[in-house]
Amino acid sequence: ALQLPGARSSTFDQSCDSLASVPLGAMIPSPTPTDRAAAEAHLLGQWDVQLDAMRRGLCSVVPASVLALLNWRDLEAIVCGQSQIEVADLQRCVGFSPPGNFAAEAMFWEVVGGLSYEERGLLCHFATGRMRLPLQFKVSWNSDLSRFPQATTCVKEISLPRYDTAATMRARLLVAIHCRDIDTDGHAPGEVDMDVVEEPSDLPTGDGWAPGGAGIAA
């Protein structure tokens, strides 16, 4: 038997229904193997109704015979998208406007190739609001080298200056994609508060650097 000191205690299951009220300090019998089996059956089976409803709903969209061909990783990739984004995958998803600016496009892919998987996900999030493939977005070039990249997620577009060097493009793109204050509604261009942005340590100081002129995703 178990000696439980104290006053009283109630036991609740995950549905918050009271199962028992035991006077603490009272002697209660030790659980038998049958008691343990009953407790395990209750804990493991208490969500059966809800899970069965989810299974029936999923199978009404995707046949059970097809789901049986997938493991959980395959199903996660189909439902949630691809988390590790390769450059070759992005190249099939990104367009440029105007097209044909081959030097700038090559610089962009050089920069993207040097990003980590996490940073590529942040780039996609910056442009579209999604961090996983499949997705599509457009890079529009502009000539104002004093500005940071800007994004408009509603039309899935990044406005990217044609910087002189890949180092400058990388540094400023990293500032933009790491900025969490993406809602700039009500701000005039150039009025976003850059004090909230943690600048990379390798951010160049030349090439028209002007924090007050930064443009973060709208």
Protein backbone atom coordinates (compact mmCIF):
# COMPACT_ATOMS: atom_id res chain seq x y z
CA ALA A 1 0.00 0.00 0.00
CA LEU A 2 1.04 3.65 -0.55
CA GLN A 3 1.07 6.22 2.24
CA LEU A 4 0.15 9.65 0.84
CA PRO A 5 0.77 12.49 3.32
CA GLY A 6 -1.12 15.79 3.29
CA ALA A 7 -4.72 16.87 2.83
CA ARG A 8 -6.69 15.90 -0.29
CA SER A 9 -5.93 15.61 -3.98
CA SER A 10 -7.96 15.14 -7.15
CA THR A 11 -6.70 13.34 -10.24
CA PHE A 12 -7.61 14.62 -13.68
CA ASP A 13 -7.22 13.11 -17.12
CA GLN A 14 -6.36 15.16 -20.22
CA SER A 15 -10.00 16.08 -20.77
CA CYS A 16 -9.95 17.78 -17.32
CA ASP A 17 -12.62 15.41 -15.95
CA SER A 18 -12.10 14.53 -12.31
CA LEU A 19 -11.40 10.82 -11.99
CA ALA A 20 -10.97 10.49 -8.24
CA SER A 21 -10.64 12.41 -5.00
CA VAL A 22 -8.31 10.71 -2.54
CA PRO A 23 -7.79 11.83 1.07
CA LEU A 24 -4.06 12.36 1.28
CA GLY A 25 -2.63 10.52 4.22
CA ALA A 26 -4.98 7.61 3.58
CA MET A 27 -3.74 4.16 2.71
CA ILE A 28 -4.53 3.12 -0.86
CA PRO A 29 -3.65 -0.24 -2.37
CA SER A 30 -0.68 -0.52 -4.70
CA PRO A 31 -1.77 -0.82 -8.35
CA THR A 32 -2.05 -4.35 -9.66
CA PRO A 33 -0.99 -5.35 -13.19
CA THR A 34 -4.67 -5.19 -14.14
CA ASP A 35 -4.91 -1.65 -12.78
CA ARG A 36 -1.83 -0.63 -14.75
CA ALA A 37 -3.23 -2.15 -17.93
CA ALA A 38 -6.52 -0.32 -17.44
CA ALA A 39 -4.70 2.98 -16.82
CA GLU A 40 -2.53 2.52 -19.93
CA ALA A 41 -5.59 1.64 -22.02
CA HIS A 42 -7.32 4.80 -20.82
CA LEU A 43 -4.33 7.07 -21.47
CA LEU A 44 -3.53 5.57 -24.87
CA GLY A 45 -7.12 5.34 -26.04
CA GLN A 46 -8.74 8.51 -24.76
CA TRP A 47 -8.14 10.34 -28.06
CA ASP A 48 -9.34 7.49 -30.29
CA VAL A 49 -12.56 9.26 -31.30
CA GLN A 50 -10.77 12.47 -32.28
CA LEU A 51 -7.96 10.67 -34.10
CA ASP A 52 -10.43 8.50 -35.98
CA ALA A 53 -12.27 11.63 -37.13
CA MET A 54 -8.99 13.12 -38.35
CA ARG A 55 -8.12 9.86 -40.16
CA ARG A 56 -11.51 9.72 -41.88
CA GLY A 57 -11.21 13.37 -42.92
CA LEU A 58 -7.72 12.85 -44.37
CA CYS A 59 -8.79 9.67 -46.17
CA SER A 60 -11.71 11.52 -47.73
CA VAL A 61 -9.11 13.68 -49.53
CA VAL A 62 -6.26 11.19 -49.98
CA PRO A 63 -7.25 7.52 -50.35
CA ALA A 64 -6.02 5.26 -47.55
CA SER A 65 -4.39 2.99 -50.15
CA VAL A 66 -2.19 5.90 -51.22
CA LEU A 67 -1.35 6.95 -47.65
CA ALA A 68 -0.19 3.40 -46.98
CA LEU A 69 2.60 3.95 -49.52
CA LEU A 70 4.04 6.89 -47.55
CA ASN A 71 6.06 7.04 -44.36
CA TRP A 72 5.64 9.98 -42.00
CA ARG A 73 8.56 11.90 -43.52
CA ASP A 74 7.08 11.66 -47.03
CA LEU A 75 3.68 12.79 -45.73
CA GLU A 76 5.24 15.72 -43.84
CA ALA A 77 7.06 16.86 -46.99
CA ILE A 78 3.85 16.70 -49.04
CA VAL A 79 1.72 18.53 -46.46
CA CYS A 80 4.25 21.01 -45.03
CA GLY A 81 6.65 21.43 -47.93
CA GLN A 82 10.37 20.94 -48.36
CA SER A 83 12.39 22.39 -45.47
CA GLN A 84 15.93 22.01 -46.86
CA ILE A 85 15.99 24.24 -49.92
CA GLU A 86 18.69 23.61 -52.51
CA VAL A 87 19.79 26.33 -54.93
CA ALA A 88 18.69 24.22 -57.91
CA ASP A 89 15.19 24.01 -56.43
CA LEU A 90 15.03 27.78 -55.95
CA GLN A 91 16.23 28.40 -59.49
CA ARG A 92 13.08 26.71 -60.74
CA CYS A 93 10.92 28.95 -58.51
CA VAL A 94 12.42 32.42 -58.96
CA GLY A 95 11.92 34.80 -61.87
CA PHE A 96 13.60 38.14 -62.59
CA SER A 97 12.20 41.46 -63.82
CA PRO A 98 13.39 42.73 -66.16
CA PRO A 99 14.91 39.45 -67.39
CA GLY A 100 18.28 39.22 -69.06
CA ASN A 101 20.39 41.05 -66.48
CA PHE A 102 22.79 38.12 -66.41
CA ALA A 103 25.50 39.69 -64.24
CA ALA A 104 23.05 40.67 -61.50
CA GLU A 105 21.28 37.30 -61.69
CA ALA A 106 24.60 35.45 -61.39
CA MET A 107 25.52 37.59 -58.36
CA PHE A 108 22.15 36.80 -56.75
CA TRP A 109 22.63 33.05 -57.17
CA GLU A 110 26.19 33.32 -55.87
CA VAL A 111 24.82 34.97 -52.72
CA VAL A 112 21.97 32.46 -52.34
CA GLY A 113 24.45 29.60 -52.79
CA GLY A 114 26.39 30.89 -49.79
CA LEU A 115 23.35 30.97 -47.50
CA SER A 116 22.53 28.24 -45.02
CA TYR A 117 19.33 26.20 -45.33
CA GLU A 118 17.82 28.33 -42.56
CA GLU A 119 18.75 31.57 -44.33
CA ARG A 120 17.28 30.32 -47.61
CA GLY A 121 14.08 29.60 -45.72
CA LEU A 122 14.16 33.15 -44.33
CA LEU A 123 14.68 34.50 -47.85
CA CYS A 124 11.58 32.63 -49.02
CA HIS A 125 9.67 33.88 -45.98
CA PHE A 126 10.80 37.43 -46.70
CA ALA A 127 9.45 37.19 -50.25
CA THR A 128 6.30 35.11 -49.78
CA GLY A 129 5.51 34.56 -46.08
CA ARG A 130 6.36 30.85 -46.49
CA MET A 131 9.58 29.16 -45.41
CA ARG A 132 9.17 25.93 -47.38
CA LEU A 133 8.84 24.84 -50.98
CA PRO A 134 6.80 24.73 -53.13
CA LEU A 135 6.54 28.48 -53.76
CA GLN A 136 7.33 31.08 -56.39
CA PHE A 137 8.52 34.67 -56.23
CA LYS A 138 10.04 37.35 -58.43
CA VAL A 139 13.14 39.50 -58.01
CA SER A 140 12.74 42.99 -59.50
CA TRP A 141 15.90 44.99 -60.01
CA ASN A 142 16.25 48.65 -59.08
CA SER A 143 19.17 51.03 -59.35
CA ASP A 144 19.05 52.77 -55.94
CA LEU A 145 22.18 51.35 -54.33
CA SER A 146 21.56 53.27 -51.09
CA ARG A 147 18.53 51.11 -50.24
CA PHE A 148 18.08 47.69 -48.70
CA PRO A 149 16.05 44.91 -50.32
CA GLN A 150 12.29 45.35 -49.99
CA ALA A 151 9.61 42.68 -50.33
CA THR A 152 5.90 42.72 -50.98
CA THR A 153 4.58 39.38 -49.84
CA CYS A 154 1.08 39.87 -51.26
CA VAL A 155 2.50 39.77 -54.79
CA LYS A 156 5.53 37.61 -53.85
CA GLU A 157 8.17 40.03 -55.05
CA ILE A 158 11.56 41.26 -53.81
CA SER A 159 12.82 44.65 -54.98
CA LEU A 160 16.60 44.23 -55.02
CA PRO A 161 19.15 46.94 -55.90
CA ARG A 162 21.84 45.92 -58.39
CA TYR A 163 24.66 46.19 -55.87
CA ASP A 164 28.25 46.51 -57.06
CA THR A 165 29.53 43.46 -55.18
CA ALA A 166 28.23 40.12 -53.95
CA ALA A 167 29.50 40.99 -50.45
CA THR A 168 27.26 44.06 -50.30
CA MET A 169 24.27 42.16 -51.66
CA ARG A 170 24.77 39.36 -49.14
CA ALA A 171 25.18 41.69 -46.16
CA ARG A 172 22.13 43.79 -46.97
CA LEU A 173 20.00 40.81 -47.88
CA LEU A 174 20.85 39.22 -44.52
CA VAL A 175 19.76 42.39 -42.71
CA ALA A 176 16.46 42.34 -44.58
CA ILE A 177 15.60 38.65 -44.14
CA HIS A 178 16.45 38.69 -40.42
CA CYS A 179 14.29 41.73 -39.71
CA ARG A 180 11.18 40.62 -37.77
CA ASP A 181 9.33 43.94 -38.05
CA ILE A 182 7.88 43.13 -41.46
CA ASP A 183 4.65 45.08 -41.17
CA THR A 184 5.52 48.53 -42.53
CA ASP A 185 1.96 49.62 -43.24
CA GLY A 186 1.69 53.31 -42.38
CA HIS A 187 5.40 53.94 -42.96
CA ALA A 188 6.53 56.08 -45.82
CA PRO A 189 9.43 54.53 -47.81
CA GLY A 190 12.62 54.87 -45.84
CA GLU A 191 10.89 55.41 -42.49
CA VAL A 192 11.21 51.88 -41.10
CA ASP A 193 12.88 51.83 -37.68
CA MET A 194 16.21 50.10 -38.25
CA ASP A 195 17.04 50.14 -34.53
CA VAL A 196 15.20 46.80 -34.28
CA VAL A 197 17.51 45.19 -36.84
CA GLU A 198 20.63 43.36 -35.72
CA GLU A 199 23.18 44.12 -38.40
CA PRO A 200 25.65 41.42 -39.52
CA SER A 201 29.18 42.04 -38.29
CA ASP A 202 30.52 41.96 -41.85
CA LEU A 203 28.13 44.66 -43.16
CA PRO A 204 30.07 46.99 -45.47
CA THR A 205 30.30 50.64 -44.50
CA GLY A 206 30.65 51.93 -48.06
CA ASP A 207 28.41 51.81 -51.12
CA GLY A 208 25.96 54.42 -49.89
CA TRP A 209 25.29 52.82 -46.49
CA ALA A 210 22.32 54.58 -44.93
CA PRO A 211 20.36 52.75 -42.22
CA GLY A 212 17.54 55.28 -42.38
CA GLY A 213 17.02 54.42 -46.03
CA ALA A 214 16.52 50.71 -45.48
CA GLY A 215 13.44 49.05 -46.87
CA ILE A 216 12.06 46.03 -45.05
CA ALA A 217 9.29 43.71 -46.21
CA ALA A 218 5.86 45.23 -46.35
